């Protein structure tokens, strides 16, 4: 349990790890969603160009 407390800095250290993990996960999810959205927009534009020909 002393290893988790880290000399009374454990709360600070572990909260920083938690916040960092949350930010990384949120960034990853948002990037994946944006990628899908951009990919769909590109597909729509390609189909529109093909229909004009």
PDB file of N, CA and C in Angstrom:
ATOM      1  N   UNK A   1       0.818  -1.191   0.000  1.00  0.00           N
ATOM      2  CA  UNK A   1       0.000   0.000   0.000  1.00  0.00           C
ATOM      3  C   UNK A   1       0.868   1.264   0.000  1.00  0.00           C
ATOM      4  N   UNK A   2       2.069   1.158   0.561  1.00  0.00           N
ATOM      5  CA  UNK A   2       2.967   2.314   0.573  1.00  0.00           C
ATOM      6  C   UNK A   2       3.390   2.713  -0.838  1.00  0.00           C
ATOM      7  N   UNK A   3       3.497   1.713  -1.729  1.00  0.00           N
ATOM      8  CA  UNK A   3       3.867   2.016  -3.113  1.00  0.00           C
ATOM      9  C   UNK A   3       2.782   2.843  -3.795  1.00  0.00           C
ATOM     10  N   UNK A   4       1.527   2.606  -3.449  1.00  0.00           N
ATOM     11  CA  UNK A   4       0.418   3.367  -4.036  1.00  0.00           C
ATOM     12  C   UNK A   4       0.370   4.791  -3.466  1.00  0.00           C
ATOM     13  N   UNK A   5       0.760   4.956  -2.189  1.00  0.00           N
ATOM     14  CA  UNK A   5       0.715   6.266  -1.549  1.00  0.00           C
ATOM     15  C   UNK A   5       1.826   7.176  -2.047  1.00  0.00           C
ATOM     16  N   UNK A   6       2.946   6.607  -2.425  1.00  0.00           N
ATOM     17  CA  UNK A   6       4.097   7.329  -2.972  1.00  0.00           C
ATOM     18  C   UNK A   6       4.502   8.521  -2.114  1.00  0.00           C
ATOM     19  N   UNK A   7       4.646   8.286  -0.845  1.00  0.00           N
ATOM     20  CA  UNK A   7       5.106   9.344   0.051  1.00  0.00           C
ATOM     21  C   UNK A   7       4.135  10.509   0.132  1.00  0.00           C
ATOM     22  N   UNK A   8       2.872  10.222   0.252  1.00  0.00           N
ATOM     23  CA  UNK A   8       1.797  11.210   0.355  1.00  0.00           C
ATOM     24  C   UNK A   8       1.542  11.989  -0.937  1.00  0.00           C
ATOM     25  N   UNK A   9       2.184  11.595  -2.037  1.00  0.00           N
ATOM     26  CA  UNK A   9       1.936  12.214  -3.330  1.00  0.00           C
ATOM     27  C   UNK A   9       1.108  11.303  -4.239  1.00  0.00           C
ATOM     28  N   UNK A  10       0.698  10.198  -3.708  1.00  0.00           N
ATOM     29  CA  UNK A  10      -0.022   9.202  -4.508  1.00  0.00           C
ATOM     30  C   UNK A  10      -1.289   9.738  -5.134  1.00  0.00           C
ATOM     31  N   UNK A  11      -2.062  10.488  -4.382  1.00  0.00           N
ATOM     32  CA  UNK A  11      -3.314  11.030  -4.910  1.00  0.00           C
ATOM     33  C   UNK A  11      -3.041  11.922  -6.120  1.00  0.00           C
ATOM     34  N   UNK A  12      -2.030  12.773  -6.012  1.00  0.00           N
ATOM     35  CA  UNK A  12      -1.664  13.659  -7.110  1.00  0.00           C
ATOM     36  C   UNK A  12      -1.162  12.849  -8.309  1.00  0.00           C
ATOM     37  N   UNK A  13      -0.254  11.923  -8.063  1.00  0.00           N
ATOM     38  CA  UNK A  13       0.346  11.134  -9.144  1.00  0.00           C
ATOM     39  C   UNK A  13      -0.712  10.305  -9.860  1.00  0.00           C
ATOM     40  N   UNK A  14      -1.540   9.585  -9.105  1.00  0.00           N
ATOM     41  CA  UNK A  14      -2.523   8.712  -9.742  1.00  0.00           C
ATOM     42  C   UNK A  14      -3.629   9.499 -10.438  1.00  0.00           C
ATOM     43  N   UNK A  15      -3.972  10.668  -9.897  1.00  0.00           N
ATOM     44  CA  UNK A  15      -4.974  11.485 -10.591  1.00  0.00           C
ATOM     45  C   UNK A  15      -4.405  12.014 -11.905  1.00  0.00           C
ATOM     46  N   UNK A  16      -3.128  12.354 -11.921  1.00  0.00           N
ATOM     47  CA  UNK A  16      -2.487  12.788 -13.174  1.00  0.00           C
ATOM     48  C   UNK A  16      -2.477  11.659 -14.196  1.00  0.00           C
ATOM     49  N   UNK A  17      -2.168  10.455 -13.761  1.00  0.00           N
ATOM     50  CA  UNK A  17      -2.215   9.307 -14.660  1.00  0.00           C
ATOM     51  C   UNK A  17      -3.632   9.108 -15.200  1.00  0.00           C
ATOM     52  N   UNK A  18      -4.620   9.210 -14.330  1.00  0.00           N
ATOM     53  CA  UNK A  18      -6.007   9.025 -14.740  1.00  0.00           C
ATOM     54  C   UNK A  18      -6.465  10.075 -15.734  1.00  0.00           C
ATOM     55  N   UNK A  19      -6.135  11.331 -15.453  1.00  0.00           N
ATOM     56  CA  UNK A  19      -6.520  12.414 -16.367  1.00  0.00           C
ATOM     57  C   UNK A  19      -5.826  12.242 -17.714  1.00  0.00           C
ATOM     58  N   UNK A  20      -4.553  11.896 -17.691  1.00  0.00           N
ATOM     59  CA  UNK A  20      -3.811  11.680 -18.932  1.00  0.00           C
ATOM     60  C   UNK A  20      -4.429  10.544 -19.743  1.00  0.00           C
ATOM     61  N   UNK A  21      -4.757   9.459 -19.087  1.00  0.00           N
ATOM     62  CA  UNK A  21      -5.383   8.332 -19.776  1.00  0.00           C
ATOM     63  C   UNK A  21      -6.725   8.740 -20.376  1.00  0.00           C
ATOM     64  N   UNK A  22      -7.513   9.495 -19.627  1.00  0.00           N
ATOM     65  CA  UNK A  22      -8.816   9.947 -20.127  1.00  0.00           C
ATOM     66  C   UNK A  22      -8.654  10.839 -21.348  1.00  0.00           C
ATOM     67  N   UNK A  23      -7.694  11.757 -21.310  1.00  0.00           N
ATOM     68  CA  UNK A  23      -7.466  12.658 -22.447  1.00  0.00           C
ATOM     69  C   UNK A  23      -7.029  11.875 -23.677  1.00  0.00           C
ATOM     70  N   UNK A  24      -6.156  10.907 -23.490  1.00  0.00           N
ATOM     71  CA  UNK A  24      -5.695  10.093 -24.620  1.00  0.00           C
ATOM     72  C   UNK A  24      -6.849   9.297 -25.211  1.00  0.00           C
ATOM     73  N   UNK A  25      -7.661   8.685 -24.370  1.00  0.00           N
ATOM     74  CA  UNK A  25      -8.790   7.898 -24.862  1.00  0.00           C
ATOM     75  C   UNK A  25      -9.820   8.772 -25.581  1.00  0.00           C
ATOM     76  N   UNK A  26     -10.128   9.930 -25.012  1.00  0.00           N
ATOM     77  CA  UNK A  26     -11.081  10.837 -25.654  1.00  0.00           C
ATOM     78  C   UNK A  26     -10.539  11.318 -26.996  1.00  0.00           C
ATOM     79  N   UNK A  27      -9.270  11.651 -27.046  1.00  0.00           N
ATOM     80  CA  UNK A  27      -8.658  12.095 -28.300  1.00  0.00           C
ATOM     81  C   UNK A  27      -8.709  11.001 -29.360  1.00  0.00           C
ATOM     82  N   UNK A  28      -8.445   9.776 -28.947  1.00  0.00           N
ATOM     83  CA  UNK A  28      -8.471   8.653 -29.876  1.00  0.00           C
ATOM     84  C   UNK A  28      -9.880   8.438 -30.439  1.00  0.00           C
ATOM     85  N   UNK A  29     -10.867   8.464 -29.572  1.00  0.00           N
ATOM     86  CA  UNK A  29     -12.254   8.259 -30.010  1.00  0.00           C
ATOM     87  C   UNK A  29     -12.679   9.373 -30.953  1.00  0.00           C
ATOM     88  N   UNK A  30     -12.358  10.616 -30.598  1.00  0.00           N
ATOM     89  CA  UNK A  30     -12.737  11.747 -31.464  1.00  0.00           C
ATOM     90  C   UNK A  30     -12.041  11.663 -32.816  1.00  0.00           C
ATOM     91  N   UNK A  31     -10.780  11.257 -32.838  1.00  0.00           N
ATOM     92  CA  UNK A  31     -10.052  11.132 -34.105  1.00  0.00           C
ATOM     93  C   UNK A  31     -10.670  10.043 -34.977  1.00  0.00           C
ATOM     94  N   UNK A  32     -11.045   8.930 -34.375  1.00  0.00           N
ATOM     95  CA  UNK A  32     -11.666   7.853 -35.141  1.00  0.00           C
ATOM     96  C   UNK A  32     -13.011   8.280 -35.711  1.00  0.00           C
ATOM     97  N   UNK A  33     -13.808   8.982 -34.918  1.00  0.00           N
ATOM     98  CA  UNK A  33     -15.106   9.462 -35.404  1.00  0.00           C
ATOM     99  C   UNK A  33     -14.928  10.481 -36.528  1.00  0.00           C
ATOM    100  N   UNK A  34     -13.975  11.376 -36.375  1.00  0.00           N
ATOM    101  CA  UNK A  34     -13.714  12.373 -37.419  1.00  0.00           C
ATOM    102  C   UNK A  34     -13.235  11.698 -38.692  1.00  0.00           C
ATOM    103  N   UNK A  35     -12.398  10.682 -38.559  1.00  0.00           N
ATOM    104  CA  UNK A  35     -11.907   9.949 -39.723  1.00  0.00           C
ATOM    105  C   UNK A  35     -13.068   9.332 -40.487  1.00  0.00           C
ATOM    106  N   UNK A  36     -13.997   8.708 -39.780  1.00  0.00           N
ATOM    107  CA  UNK A  36     -15.162   8.107 -40.437  1.00  0.00           C
ATOM    108  C   UNK A  36     -15.992   9.170 -41.152  1.00  0.00           C
ATOM    109  N   UNK A  37     -16.165  10.322 -40.501  1.00  0.00           N
ATOM    110  CA  UNK A  37     -16.961  11.393 -41.087  1.00  0.00           C
ATOM    111  C   UNK A  37     -16.299  11.911 -42.370  1.00  0.00           C
ATOM    112  N   UNK A  38     -15.016  12.138 -42.347  1.00  0.00           N
ATOM    113  CA  UNK A  38     -14.295  12.630 -43.519  1.00  0.00           C
ATOM    114  C   UNK A  38     -14.350  11.588 -44.631  1.00  0.00           C
ATOM    115  N   UNK A  39     -14.191  10.323 -44.282  1.00  0.00           N
ATOM    116  CA  UNK A  39     -14.235   9.256 -45.276  1.00  0.00           C
ATOM    117  C   UNK A  39     -15.597   9.224 -45.970  1.00  0.00           C
ATOM    118  N   UNK A  40     -16.668   9.378 -45.185  1.00  0.00           N
ATOM    119  CA  UNK A  40     -18.016   9.395 -45.769  1.00  0.00           C
ATOM    120  C   UNK A  40     -18.190  10.591 -46.697  1.00  0.00           C
ATOM    121  N   UNK A  41     -17.693  11.751 -46.296  1.00  0.00           N
ATOM    122  CA  UNK A  41     -17.786  12.945 -47.134  1.00  0.00           C
ATOM    123  C   UNK A  41     -17.036  12.746 -48.451  1.00  0.00           C
ATOM    124  N   UNK A  42     -15.888  12.123 -48.387  1.00  0.00           N
ATOM    125  CA  UNK A  42     -15.121  11.851 -49.604  1.00  0.00           C
ATOM    126  C   UNK A  42     -15.886  10.902 -50.516  1.00  0.00           C
ATOM    127  N   UNK A  43     -16.505   9.872 -49.939  1.00  0.00           N
ATOM    128  CA  UNK A  43     -17.296   8.943 -50.743  1.00  0.00           C
ATOM    129  C   UNK A  43     -18.432   9.664 -51.448  1.00  0.00           C
ATOM    130  N   UNK A  44     -19.107  10.558 -50.741  1.00  0.00           N
ATOM    131  CA  UNK A  44     -20.223  11.316 -51.338  1.00  0.00           C
ATOM    132  C   UNK A  44     -19.715  12.182 -52.479  1.00  0.00           C
ATOM    133  N   UNK A  45     -18.604  12.835 -52.298  1.00  0.00           N
ATOM    134  CA  UNK A  45     -18.047  13.697 -53.350  1.00  0.00           C
ATOM    135  C   UNK A  45     -17.634  12.880 -54.572  1.00  0.00           C
ATOM    136  N   UNK A  46     -17.043  11.716 -54.341  1.00  0.00           N
ATOM    137  CA  UNK A  46     -16.632  10.860 -55.463  1.00  0.00           C
ATOM    138  C   UNK A  46     -17.863  10.400 -56.235  1.00  0.00           C
ATOM    139  N   UNK A  47     -18.909   9.983 -55.535  1.00  0.00           N
ATOM    140  CA  UNK A  47     -20.136   9.557 -56.204  1.00  0.00           C
ATOM    141  C   UNK A  47     -20.749  10.699 -56.995  1.00  0.00           C
ATOM    142  N   UNK A  48     -20.727  11.904 -56.454  1.00  0.00           N
ATOM    143  CA  UNK A  48     -21.268  13.070 -57.158  1.00  0.00           C
ATOM    144  C   UNK A  48     -20.476  13.354 -58.414  1.00  0.00           C
ATOM    145  N   UNK A  49     -19.169  13.223 -58.338  1.00  0.00           N
ATOM    146  CA  UNK A  49     -18.334  13.444 -59.533  1.00  0.00           C
ATOM    147  C   UNK A  49     -18.592  12.367 -60.588  1.00  0.00           C
ATOM    148  N   UNK A  50     -18.767  11.134 -60.157  1.00  0.00           N
ATOM    149  CA  UNK A  50     -19.023  10.047 -61.102  1.00  0.00           C
ATOM    150  C   UNK A  50     -20.378  10.226 -61.791  1.00  0.00           C
ATOM    151  N   UNK A  51     -21.347  10.752 -61.069  1.00  0.00           N
ATOM    152  CA  UNK A  51     -22.672  10.952 -61.647  1.00  0.00           C
ATOM    153  C   UNK A  51     -22.661  12.090 -62.673  1.00  0.00           C
ATOM    154  N   UNK A  52     -21.790  13.051 -62.509  1.00  0.00           N
ATOM    155  CA  UNK A  52     -21.712  14.174 -63.451  1.00  0.00           C
ATOM    156  C   UNK A  52     -21.103  13.755 -64.767  1.00  0.00           C
ATOM    157  N   UNK A  53     -20.324  12.722 -64.786  1.00  0.00           N
ATOM    158  CA  UNK A  53     -19.639  12.295 -66.022  1.00  0.00           C
ATOM    159  C   UNK A  53     -20.547  11.558 -66.943  1.00  0.00           C
TER     160      UNK A  53
END
